[in-house]
């Protein structure tokens, strides 16, 4: 349904008349009024008429009205009524992002890909998410072990550049366990 013209689709139950709109007055019939055939934005009845039209239309597609809140409709494709909620998917992704930032950089790629589908996670992404969670569970006791290699910090700067009038250059390399960290 077109949201911009939502209230124009409601069917009126009573006769309603209105003055002719400014700029659309029929010449020679200035004193006549217009009879509304459909609901119009601004009428007190418009929201109710729209909801009745929406309710009738959505129920025709097989949706079921929630007994606790009449504005919530559900559609179940099979008898079991399994539904996938976006909220749970988002919560799990946020937990994985927390782990990724703190201690588990090995899942960064997977989490970044799964984050793209938080607004519509279908079964495929749920199964990938389940796989990442199983990986987390199976590798919880594993860790990176550094031997007796010392941590070292090497730096370099160009002191001659200051005297020659050109821009200076400096940098550093931090290693841990013989591997470059930054």
N, C-alpha and C. Protein backbone atom coordinates (compact mmCIF):
# COMPACT_ATOMS: atom_id res chain seq x y z
N UNK A 1 0.85 -1.17 0.00
CA UNK A 1 0.00 0.00 0.00
C UNK A 1 0.90 1.24 0.00
N UNK A 2 0.52 2.25 -0.73
CA UNK A 2 1.29 3.48 -0.83
C UNK A 2 1.14 4.27 0.46
N UNK A 3 2.24 4.47 1.18
CA UNK A 3 2.19 5.13 2.48
C UNK A 3 1.78 6.59 2.36
N UNK A 4 2.18 7.26 1.28
CA UNK A 4 1.86 8.68 1.12
C UNK A 4 0.37 8.92 0.97
N UNK A 5 -0.34 7.94 0.46
CA UNK A 5 -1.78 8.11 0.25
C UNK A 5 -2.59 7.10 1.06
N UNK A 6 -2.07 6.70 2.19
CA UNK A 6 -2.68 5.65 3.01
C UNK A 6 -4.15 5.91 3.31
N UNK A 7 -4.47 7.11 3.78
CA UNK A 7 -5.82 7.38 4.24
C UNK A 7 -6.82 7.55 3.10
N UNK A 8 -6.38 7.50 1.86
CA UNK A 8 -7.30 7.67 0.73
C UNK A 8 -7.99 6.38 0.33
N UNK A 9 -7.64 5.26 0.94
CA UNK A 9 -8.19 3.98 0.54
C UNK A 9 -9.36 3.50 1.40
N UNK A 10 -9.63 4.18 2.49
CA UNK A 10 -10.70 3.73 3.37
C UNK A 10 -12.08 3.96 2.77
N UNK A 11 -12.98 3.01 3.03
CA UNK A 11 -14.37 3.13 2.57
C UNK A 11 -15.19 3.83 3.64
N UNK A 12 -15.97 4.82 3.25
CA UNK A 12 -16.80 5.56 4.20
C UNK A 12 -18.10 4.82 4.47
N UNK A 13 -18.54 4.84 5.73
CA UNK A 13 -19.79 4.20 6.11
C UNK A 13 -20.95 5.19 6.10
N UNK A 14 -20.63 6.48 6.20
CA UNK A 14 -21.68 7.49 6.22
C UNK A 14 -21.43 8.51 5.11
N UNK A 15 -22.45 9.34 4.84
CA UNK A 15 -22.30 10.39 3.84
C UNK A 15 -21.61 11.59 4.46
N UNK A 16 -20.55 12.06 3.81
CA UNK A 16 -19.81 13.22 4.30
C UNK A 16 -19.68 14.21 3.15
N UNK A 17 -19.99 15.48 3.47
CA UNK A 17 -19.88 16.55 2.48
C UNK A 17 -18.84 17.55 2.95
N UNK A 18 -18.18 18.20 1.98
CA UNK A 18 -17.18 19.21 2.32
C UNK A 18 -17.25 20.37 1.33
N UNK A 19 -16.73 21.51 1.76
CA UNK A 19 -16.66 22.66 0.86
C UNK A 19 -15.68 22.35 -0.26
N UNK A 20 -15.86 23.03 -1.38
CA UNK A 20 -14.94 22.84 -2.49
C UNK A 20 -13.56 23.36 -2.09
N UNK A 21 -12.50 22.62 -2.41
CA UNK A 21 -11.16 23.07 -2.04
C UNK A 21 -10.77 24.35 -2.79
N UNK A 22 -10.02 25.22 -2.11
CA UNK A 22 -9.57 26.46 -2.74
C UNK A 22 -8.74 26.13 -3.98
N UNK A 23 -8.99 26.88 -5.03
CA UNK A 23 -8.29 26.65 -6.29
C UNK A 23 -8.98 25.65 -7.18
N UNK A 24 -9.98 24.93 -6.65
CA UNK A 24 -10.71 23.94 -7.43
C UNK A 24 -12.22 24.22 -7.43
N UNK A 25 -12.58 25.45 -7.17
CA UNK A 25 -14.00 25.83 -7.12
C UNK A 25 -14.54 25.85 -8.54
N UNK A 26 -15.66 25.14 -8.76
CA UNK A 26 -16.29 25.10 -10.08
C UNK A 26 -16.99 26.43 -10.33
N UNK A 27 -16.61 27.12 -11.42
CA UNK A 27 -17.20 28.42 -11.74
C UNK A 27 -18.68 28.26 -12.05
N UNK A 28 -19.46 29.11 -11.43
CA UNK A 28 -20.91 29.05 -11.57
C UNK A 28 -21.56 28.18 -10.51
N UNK A 29 -20.77 27.38 -9.80
CA UNK A 29 -21.29 26.50 -8.75
C UNK A 29 -20.55 26.74 -7.44
N UNK A 30 -20.24 28.00 -7.15
CA UNK A 30 -19.44 28.33 -5.98
C UNK A 30 -20.10 27.92 -4.66
N UNK A 31 -21.42 27.84 -4.63
CA UNK A 31 -22.13 27.54 -3.38
C UNK A 31 -22.36 26.05 -3.17
N UNK A 32 -21.99 25.24 -4.14
CA UNK A 32 -22.19 23.79 -4.01
C UNK A 32 -21.08 23.18 -3.16
N UNK A 33 -21.36 21.98 -2.65
CA UNK A 33 -20.39 21.25 -1.83
C UNK A 33 -20.04 19.93 -2.53
N UNK A 34 -18.98 19.29 -2.05
CA UNK A 34 -18.54 18.00 -2.61
C UNK A 34 -18.94 16.87 -1.68
N UNK A 35 -19.41 15.77 -2.26
CA UNK A 35 -19.70 14.57 -1.48
C UNK A 35 -18.48 13.65 -1.59
N UNK A 36 -17.96 13.22 -0.44
CA UNK A 36 -16.80 12.34 -0.43
C UNK A 36 -17.22 10.91 -0.75
N UNK A 37 -16.51 10.29 -1.66
CA UNK A 37 -16.76 8.90 -2.03
C UNK A 37 -15.84 7.97 -1.22
N UNK A 38 -14.62 8.43 -0.97
CA UNK A 38 -13.63 7.67 -0.20
C UNK A 38 -13.17 8.51 0.97
N UNK A 39 -12.47 7.87 1.89
CA UNK A 39 -11.92 8.57 3.04
C UNK A 39 -10.87 9.58 2.58
N UNK A 40 -10.64 10.59 3.40
CA UNK A 40 -9.71 11.66 3.05
C UNK A 40 -8.86 11.99 4.26
N UNK A 41 -7.58 12.30 4.03
CA UNK A 41 -6.69 12.67 5.12
C UNK A 41 -7.27 13.88 5.85
N UNK A 42 -7.29 13.83 7.15
CA UNK A 42 -7.83 14.93 7.95
C UNK A 42 -9.19 14.61 8.56
N UNK A 43 -9.87 13.61 8.03
CA UNK A 43 -11.15 13.20 8.62
C UNK A 43 -10.89 12.45 9.92
N UNK A 44 -11.79 12.61 10.87
CA UNK A 44 -11.65 11.89 12.13
C UNK A 44 -11.78 10.38 11.91
N UNK A 45 -12.53 9.99 10.90
CA UNK A 45 -12.75 8.57 10.62
C UNK A 45 -11.60 7.94 9.83
N UNK A 46 -10.70 8.74 9.26
CA UNK A 46 -9.69 8.23 8.32
C UNK A 46 -8.82 7.11 8.91
N UNK A 47 -8.24 7.27 10.11
CA UNK A 47 -7.41 6.18 10.63
C UNK A 47 -8.18 4.87 10.83
N UNK A 48 -9.40 4.98 11.35
CA UNK A 48 -10.21 3.78 11.57
C UNK A 48 -10.57 3.12 10.24
N UNK A 49 -10.95 3.93 9.25
CA UNK A 49 -11.31 3.38 7.94
C UNK A 49 -10.11 2.70 7.28
N UNK A 50 -8.94 3.34 7.42
CA UNK A 50 -7.73 2.75 6.84
C UNK A 50 -7.41 1.42 7.53
N UNK A 51 -7.50 1.38 8.86
CA UNK A 51 -7.19 0.14 9.58
C UNK A 51 -8.15 -0.98 9.18
N UNK A 52 -9.41 -0.66 9.01
CA UNK A 52 -10.37 -1.69 8.60
C UNK A 52 -10.03 -2.22 7.20
N UNK A 53 -9.66 -1.33 6.30
CA UNK A 53 -9.27 -1.75 4.94
C UNK A 53 -8.00 -2.60 4.99
N UNK A 54 -7.01 -2.15 5.77
CA UNK A 54 -5.75 -2.89 5.91
C UNK A 54 -6.00 -4.26 6.52
N UNK A 55 -6.81 -4.31 7.58
CA UNK A 55 -7.12 -5.56 8.27
C UNK A 55 -7.76 -6.56 7.30
N UNK A 56 -8.73 -6.10 6.54
CA UNK A 56 -9.42 -6.97 5.59
C UNK A 56 -8.45 -7.49 4.52
N UNK A 57 -7.58 -6.62 4.04
CA UNK A 57 -6.63 -7.00 2.99
C UNK A 57 -5.58 -7.98 3.50
N UNK A 58 -5.01 -7.70 4.66
CA UNK A 58 -3.92 -8.54 5.20
C UNK A 58 -4.44 -9.91 5.63
N UNK A 59 -5.65 -9.97 6.14
CA UNK A 59 -6.24 -11.26 6.52
C UNK A 59 -6.52 -12.12 5.29
N UNK A 60 -6.82 -11.47 4.16
CA UNK A 60 -7.05 -12.21 2.91
C UNK A 60 -5.79 -12.92 2.43
N UNK A 61 -4.62 -12.44 2.83
CA UNK A 61 -3.35 -13.08 2.46
C UNK A 61 -2.95 -14.19 3.43
N UNK A 62 -3.78 -14.46 4.44
CA UNK A 62 -3.50 -15.56 5.36
C UNK A 62 -2.81 -15.17 6.65
N UNK A 63 -2.68 -13.88 6.91
CA UNK A 63 -2.08 -13.44 8.17
C UNK A 63 -3.04 -13.70 9.31
N UNK A 64 -2.50 -13.84 10.52
CA UNK A 64 -3.29 -14.08 11.72
C UNK A 64 -3.08 -12.91 12.67
N UNK A 65 -4.17 -12.42 13.26
CA UNK A 65 -4.10 -11.29 14.19
C UNK A 65 -3.63 -11.79 15.55
N UNK A 66 -2.71 -11.07 16.16
CA UNK A 66 -2.23 -11.39 17.50
C UNK A 66 -3.35 -11.06 18.49
N UNK A 67 -3.66 -11.99 19.38
CA UNK A 67 -4.74 -11.78 20.33
C UNK A 67 -4.42 -10.70 21.37
N UNK A 68 -3.14 -10.54 21.70
CA UNK A 68 -2.75 -9.56 22.72
C UNK A 68 -2.63 -8.15 22.17
N UNK A 69 -2.28 -8.02 20.90
CA UNK A 69 -2.14 -6.71 20.28
C UNK A 69 -2.71 -6.80 18.87
N UNK A 70 -3.84 -6.18 18.65
CA UNK A 70 -4.56 -6.30 17.37
C UNK A 70 -3.84 -5.64 16.20
N UNK A 71 -2.74 -4.94 16.46
CA UNK A 71 -1.97 -4.31 15.38
C UNK A 71 -0.81 -5.18 14.91
N UNK A 72 -0.65 -6.36 15.50
CA UNK A 72 0.43 -7.26 15.11
C UNK A 72 -0.17 -8.44 14.36
N UNK A 73 0.38 -8.69 13.17
CA UNK A 73 -0.08 -9.78 12.32
C UNK A 73 1.08 -10.75 12.10
N UNK A 74 0.78 -12.04 12.05
CA UNK A 74 1.80 -13.05 11.83
C UNK A 74 1.41 -13.91 10.64
N UNK A 75 2.42 -14.36 9.91
CA UNK A 75 2.20 -15.27 8.79
C UNK A 75 3.09 -16.48 8.99
N UNK A 76 2.49 -17.64 9.10
CA UNK A 76 3.24 -18.88 9.28
C UNK A 76 3.16 -19.68 8.00
N UNK A 77 4.31 -20.07 7.51
CA UNK A 77 4.38 -20.81 6.25
C UNK A 77 4.09 -22.30 6.43
N UNK A 78 4.29 -22.81 7.64
CA UNK A 78 4.06 -24.23 7.87
C UNK A 78 3.35 -24.42 9.20
N UNK A 79 3.03 -25.66 9.51
CA UNK A 79 2.27 -25.96 10.72
C UNK A 79 3.02 -25.66 12.01
N UNK A 80 4.35 -25.80 11.99
CA UNK A 80 5.10 -25.61 13.23
C UNK A 80 5.19 -24.14 13.62
N UNK A 81 5.04 -23.23 12.68
CA UNK A 81 5.05 -21.81 13.00
C UNK A 81 6.39 -21.29 13.45
N UNK A 82 7.48 -21.82 12.92
CA UNK A 82 8.81 -21.34 13.29
C UNK A 82 9.01 -19.95 12.72
N UNK A 83 9.43 -19.02 13.57
CA UNK A 83 9.70 -17.67 13.09
C UNK A 83 11.11 -17.28 13.48
N UNK A 84 11.73 -16.50 12.66
CA UNK A 84 13.09 -16.03 12.91
C UNK A 84 12.99 -14.57 13.31
N UNK A 85 13.49 -14.24 14.47
CA UNK A 85 13.43 -12.85 14.91
C UNK A 85 14.76 -12.17 14.66
N UNK A 86 14.71 -10.93 14.25
CA UNK A 86 15.91 -10.17 13.97
C UNK A 86 16.62 -9.77 15.26
N UNK A 87 15.87 -9.59 16.34
CA UNK A 87 16.46 -9.13 17.59
C UNK A 87 17.48 -10.13 18.13
N UNK A 88 17.16 -11.39 18.14
CA UNK A 88 18.07 -12.40 18.67
C UNK A 88 19.35 -12.47 17.82
N UNK A 89 19.19 -12.41 16.51
CA UNK A 89 20.34 -12.42 15.61
C UNK A 89 21.25 -11.23 15.91
N UNK A 90 20.67 -10.05 16.07
CA UNK A 90 21.46 -8.84 16.37
C UNK A 90 22.18 -8.96 17.70
N UNK A 91 21.52 -9.52 18.70
CA UNK A 91 22.15 -9.68 20.02
C UNK A 91 23.35 -10.61 19.94
N UNK A 92 23.23 -11.69 19.20
CA UNK A 92 24.34 -12.63 19.07
C UNK A 92 25.50 -11.97 18.32
N UNK A 93 25.18 -11.25 17.26
CA UNK A 93 26.22 -10.55 16.49
C UNK A 93 26.96 -9.55 17.37
N UNK A 94 26.22 -8.80 18.18
CA UNK A 94 26.87 -7.81 19.07
C UNK A 94 27.78 -8.51 20.09
N UNK A 95 27.37 -9.65 20.59
CA UNK A 95 28.22 -10.41 21.52
C UNK A 95 29.49 -10.89 20.83
N UNK A 96 29.36 -11.35 19.60
CA UNK A 96 30.53 -11.79 18.85
C UNK A 96 31.46 -10.62 18.53
N UNK A 97 30.89 -9.45 18.26
CA UNK A 97 31.72 -8.27 18.00
C UNK A 97 32.50 -7.88 19.25
N UNK A 98 31.88 -8.03 20.40
CA UNK A 98 32.57 -7.75 21.66
C UNK A 98 33.75 -8.70 21.84
N UNK A 99 33.51 -9.99 21.60
CA UNK A 99 34.59 -10.98 21.69
C UNK A 99 35.70 -10.68 20.68
N UNK A 100 35.29 -10.34 19.48
CA UNK A 100 36.25 -10.06 18.41
C UNK A 100 37.17 -8.91 18.79
N UNK A 101 36.60 -7.85 19.33
CA UNK A 101 37.39 -6.68 19.70
C UNK A 101 38.31 -6.96 20.88
N UNK A 102 37.87 -7.81 21.78
CA UNK A 102 38.66 -8.06 22.98
C UNK A 102 39.70 -9.14 22.83
N UNK A 103 39.28 -10.33 22.44
CA UNK A 103 40.21 -11.46 22.48
C UNK A 103 40.19 -12.36 21.26
N UNK A 104 39.18 -12.28 20.43
CA UNK A 104 39.05 -13.26 19.35
C UNK A 104 39.09 -12.60 17.97
N UNK A 105 40.25 -12.10 17.60
CA UNK A 105 40.38 -11.47 16.29
C UNK A 105 40.26 -12.48 15.14
N UNK A 106 40.33 -13.76 15.44
CA UNK A 106 40.23 -14.79 14.41
C UNK A 106 38.84 -14.89 13.79
N UNK A 107 37.84 -14.31 14.44
CA UNK A 107 36.48 -14.37 13.88
C UNK A 107 36.08 -13.06 13.21
N UNK A 108 37.00 -12.13 13.07
CA UNK A 108 36.69 -10.81 12.52
C UNK A 108 36.02 -10.88 11.15
N UNK A 109 36.58 -11.68 10.26
CA UNK A 109 36.04 -11.76 8.90
C UNK A 109 34.60 -12.29 8.91
N UNK A 110 34.38 -13.38 9.63
CA UNK A 110 33.03 -13.97 9.68
C UNK A 110 32.02 -13.01 10.27
N UNK A 111 32.39 -12.36 11.37
CA UNK A 111 31.46 -11.44 12.03
C UNK A 111 31.16 -10.24 11.14
N UNK A 112 32.17 -9.72 10.45
CA UNK A 112 31.92 -8.57 9.57
C UNK A 112 30.96 -8.94 8.44
N UNK A 113 31.06 -10.14 7.91
CA UNK A 113 30.15 -10.59 6.86
C UNK A 113 28.73 -10.80 7.40
N UNK A 114 28.63 -11.40 8.59
CA UNK A 114 27.31 -11.65 9.18
C UNK A 114 26.61 -10.36 9.59
N UNK A 115 27.38 -9.34 9.94
CA UNK A 115 26.81 -8.06 10.36
C UNK A 115 26.01 -7.41 9.24
N UNK A 116 26.34 -7.70 8.02
CA UNK A 116 25.64 -7.11 6.87
C UNK A 116 24.17 -7.53 6.79
N UNK A 117 23.82 -8.62 7.42
CA UNK A 117 22.48 -9.18 7.26
C UNK A 117 21.64 -9.10 8.52
N UNK A 118 21.91 -8.13 9.39
CA UNK A 118 21.14 -8.02 10.63
C UNK A 118 19.70 -7.59 10.38
N UNK A 119 19.43 -6.89 9.29
CA UNK A 119 18.06 -6.45 9.05
C UNK A 119 17.19 -7.56 8.46
N UNK A 120 17.79 -8.54 7.79
CA UNK A 120 17.00 -9.65 7.26
C UNK A 120 17.82 -10.94 7.28
N UNK A 121 17.96 -11.55 8.44
CA UNK A 121 18.73 -12.79 8.51
C UNK A 121 17.88 -14.00 8.15
N UNK A 122 18.11 -14.58 6.98
CA UNK A 122 17.35 -15.78 6.64
C UNK A 122 18.08 -17.02 7.18
N UNK A 123 17.56 -18.18 6.84
CA UNK A 123 18.10 -19.43 7.40
C UNK A 123 19.58 -19.64 7.07
N UNK A 124 20.00 -19.18 5.91
CA UNK A 124 21.41 -19.34 5.52
C UNK A 124 22.33 -18.65 6.52
N UNK A 125 22.01 -17.42 6.87
CA UNK A 125 22.86 -16.65 7.78
C UNK A 125 22.77 -17.18 9.21
N UNK A 126 21.60 -17.70 9.58
CA UNK A 126 21.48 -18.32 10.89
C UNK A 126 22.38 -19.56 10.97
N UNK A 127 22.45 -20.33 9.89
CA UNK A 127 23.30 -21.53 9.93
C UNK A 127 24.78 -21.15 9.98
N UNK A 128 25.17 -20.08 9.27
CA UNK A 128 26.55 -19.61 9.34
C UNK A 128 26.85 -19.09 10.74
N UNK A 129 25.90 -18.36 11.32
CA UNK A 129 26.07 -17.85 12.69
C UNK A 129 26.23 -19.01 13.67
N UNK A 130 25.43 -20.04 13.49
CA UNK A 130 25.54 -21.23 14.34
C UNK A 130 26.92 -21.87 14.20
N UNK A 131 27.44 -21.88 12.99
CA UNK A 131 28.77 -22.45 12.76
C UNK A 131 29.86 -21.64 13.47
N UNK A 132 29.75 -20.31 13.42
CA UNK A 132 30.72 -19.45 14.12
C UNK A 132 30.64 -19.69 15.63
N UNK A 133 29.42 -19.84 16.16
CA UNK A 133 29.27 -20.10 17.59
C UNK A 133 29.86 -21.45 17.98
N UNK A 134 29.66 -22.47 17.13
CA UNK A 134 30.25 -23.78 17.41
C UNK A 134 31.78 -23.70 17.35
N UNK A 135 32.31 -22.92 16.42
CA UNK A 135 33.76 -22.71 16.34
C UNK A 135 34.26 -22.07 17.63
N UNK A 136 33.53 -21.09 18.12
CA UNK A 136 33.91 -20.43 19.38
C UNK A 136 33.95 -21.44 20.52
N UNK A 137 32.92 -22.26 20.58
CA UNK A 137 32.83 -23.25 21.66
C UNK A 137 33.95 -24.28 21.57
N UNK A 138 34.25 -24.74 20.34
CA UNK A 138 35.27 -25.78 20.16
C UNK A 138 36.69 -25.27 20.35
N UNK A 139 36.91 -23.98 20.20
CA UNK A 139 38.28 -23.44 20.28
C UNK A 139 38.50 -22.58 21.51
N UNK A 140 37.61 -22.65 22.49
CA UNK A 140 37.72 -21.80 23.67
C UNK A 140 38.99 -22.08 24.47
N UNK A 141 39.48 -23.31 24.43
CA UNK A 141 40.68 -23.65 25.21
C UNK A 141 41.98 -23.40 24.43
N UNK A 142 41.87 -23.04 23.17
CA UNK A 142 43.07 -22.79 22.37
C UNK A 142 43.52 -21.35 22.56
N UNK A 143 44.83 -21.14 22.44
CA UNK A 143 45.37 -19.79 22.59
C UNK A 143 46.65 -19.67 21.79
N UNK A 144 47.08 -18.46 21.55
CA UNK A 144 48.36 -18.23 20.91
C UNK A 144 49.41 -18.28 22.01
N UNK A 145 50.43 -19.08 21.79
CA UNK A 145 51.49 -19.22 22.80
C UNK A 145 52.78 -18.62 22.25
N UNK A 146 53.32 -17.70 22.99
CA UNK A 146 54.60 -17.10 22.64
C UNK A 146 55.68 -17.74 23.50
N UNK A 147 56.76 -18.16 22.87
CA UNK A 147 57.88 -18.77 23.60
C UNK A 147 58.65 -17.72 24.39
N UNK A 148 59.90 -17.98 24.62
CA UNK A 148 60.72 -17.08 25.43
C UNK A 148 61.33 -15.96 24.60
N UNK A 149 60.70 -15.66 23.52
CA UNK A 149 61.21 -14.55 22.72
C UNK A 149 60.92 -13.25 23.45
N UNK A 150 61.84 -12.35 23.47
CA UNK A 150 61.58 -11.08 24.15
C UNK A 150 60.75 -10.15 23.26
N UNK A 151 60.04 -9.25 23.90
CA UNK A 151 59.36 -8.19 23.17
C UNK A 151 60.40 -7.12 22.87
N UNK A 152 60.35 -6.58 21.66
CA UNK A 152 61.33 -5.54 21.34
C UNK A 152 60.67 -4.41 20.57
N UNK A 153 61.23 -3.24 20.74
CA UNK A 153 60.74 -2.05 20.05
C UNK A 153 61.93 -1.40 19.37
N UNK A 154 61.89 -1.30 18.07
CA UNK A 154 62.96 -0.67 17.31
C UNK A 154 62.41 0.59 16.68
N UNK A 155 63.17 1.65 16.72
CA UNK A 155 62.71 2.89 16.10
C UNK A 155 63.82 3.48 15.27
N UNK A 156 63.44 4.39 14.42
CA UNK A 156 64.40 5.04 13.54
C UNK A 156 63.91 6.45 13.24
N UNK A 157 64.83 7.38 13.13
CA UNK A 157 64.46 8.75 12.75
C UNK A 157 65.55 9.33 11.88
N UNK A 158 65.20 10.31 11.12
CA UNK A 158 66.13 10.95 10.19
C UNK A 158 66.55 12.29 10.78
N UNK A 159 67.68 12.32 11.46
CA UNK A 159 68.16 13.55 12.10
C UNK A 159 68.79 14.49 11.09
N UNK A 160 69.27 13.99 9.99
CA UNK A 160 69.94 14.83 8.99
C UNK A 160 68.94 15.74 8.29
N UNK A 161 67.69 15.29 8.15
CA UNK A 161 66.69 16.07 7.43
C UNK A 161 66.49 17.43 8.06
N UNK A 162 66.60 17.53 9.37
CA UNK A 162 66.40 18.80 10.06
C UNK A 162 67.42 19.84 9.57
N UNK A 163 68.65 19.44 9.37
CA UNK A 163 69.71 20.35 8.95
C UNK A 163 69.66 20.66 7.46
N UNK A 164 69.16 19.73 6.63
CA UNK A 164 69.16 19.94 5.18
C UNK A 164 67.94 20.69 4.68
N UNK A 165 66.97 20.96 5.55
CA UNK A 165 65.77 21.72 5.15
C UNK A 165 64.64 20.86 4.61
N UNK A 166 64.79 19.54 4.52
CA UNK A 166 63.70 18.69 4.05
C UNK A 166 62.92 18.14 5.25
N UNK A 167 61.80 17.51 4.98
CA UNK A 167 60.98 16.94 6.05
C UNK A 167 61.64 15.71 6.64
N UNK A 168 61.50 15.55 7.95
CA UNK A 168 62.06 14.39 8.63
C UNK A 168 61.19 13.17 8.47
N UNK A 169 61.73 12.02 8.80
CA UNK A 169 61.02 10.76 8.70
C UNK A 169 61.33 9.93 9.93
N UNK A 170 60.32 9.30 10.50
CA UNK A 170 60.56 8.43 11.65
C UNK A 170 59.60 7.26 11.60
N UNK A 171 59.90 6.19 12.34
CA UNK A 171 59.03 5.03 12.38
C UNK A 171 59.47 4.09 13.48
N UNK A 172 58.65 3.05 13.72
CA UNK A 172 58.98 2.07 14.74
C UNK A 172 58.44 0.72 14.34
N UNK A 173 58.99 -0.32 14.91
CA UNK A 173 58.52 -1.69 14.72
C UNK A 173 58.50 -2.35 16.09
N UNK A 174 57.33 -2.86 16.48
CA UNK A 174 57.20 -3.57 17.74
C UNK A 174 57.04 -5.05 17.43
N UNK A 175 57.86 -5.88 18.01
CA UNK A 175 57.77 -7.32 17.78
C UNK A 175 57.52 -8.05 19.09
N UNK A 176 56.77 -9.13 18.99
CA UNK A 176 56.49 -9.97 20.15
C UNK A 176 56.60 -11.41 19.67
N UNK A 177 57.46 -12.16 20.31
CA UNK A 177 57.65 -13.55 19.90
C UNK A 177 58.26 -13.66 18.52
N UNK A 178 59.02 -12.66 18.11
CA UNK A 178 59.65 -12.68 16.79
C UNK A 178 58.72 -12.27 15.67
N UNK A 179 57.47 -11.89 15.99
CA UNK A 179 56.49 -11.49 14.98
C UNK A 179 56.16 -10.02 15.13
N UNK A 180 55.97 -9.34 14.00
CA UNK A 180 55.65 -7.92 14.01
C UNK A 180 54.22 -7.73 14.52
N UNK A 181 54.06 -6.86 15.51
CA UNK A 181 52.74 -6.53 16.05
C UNK A 181 52.27 -5.21 15.45
N UNK A 182 53.13 -4.20 15.46
CA UNK A 182 52.79 -2.92 14.83
C UNK A 182 54.05 -2.18 14.43
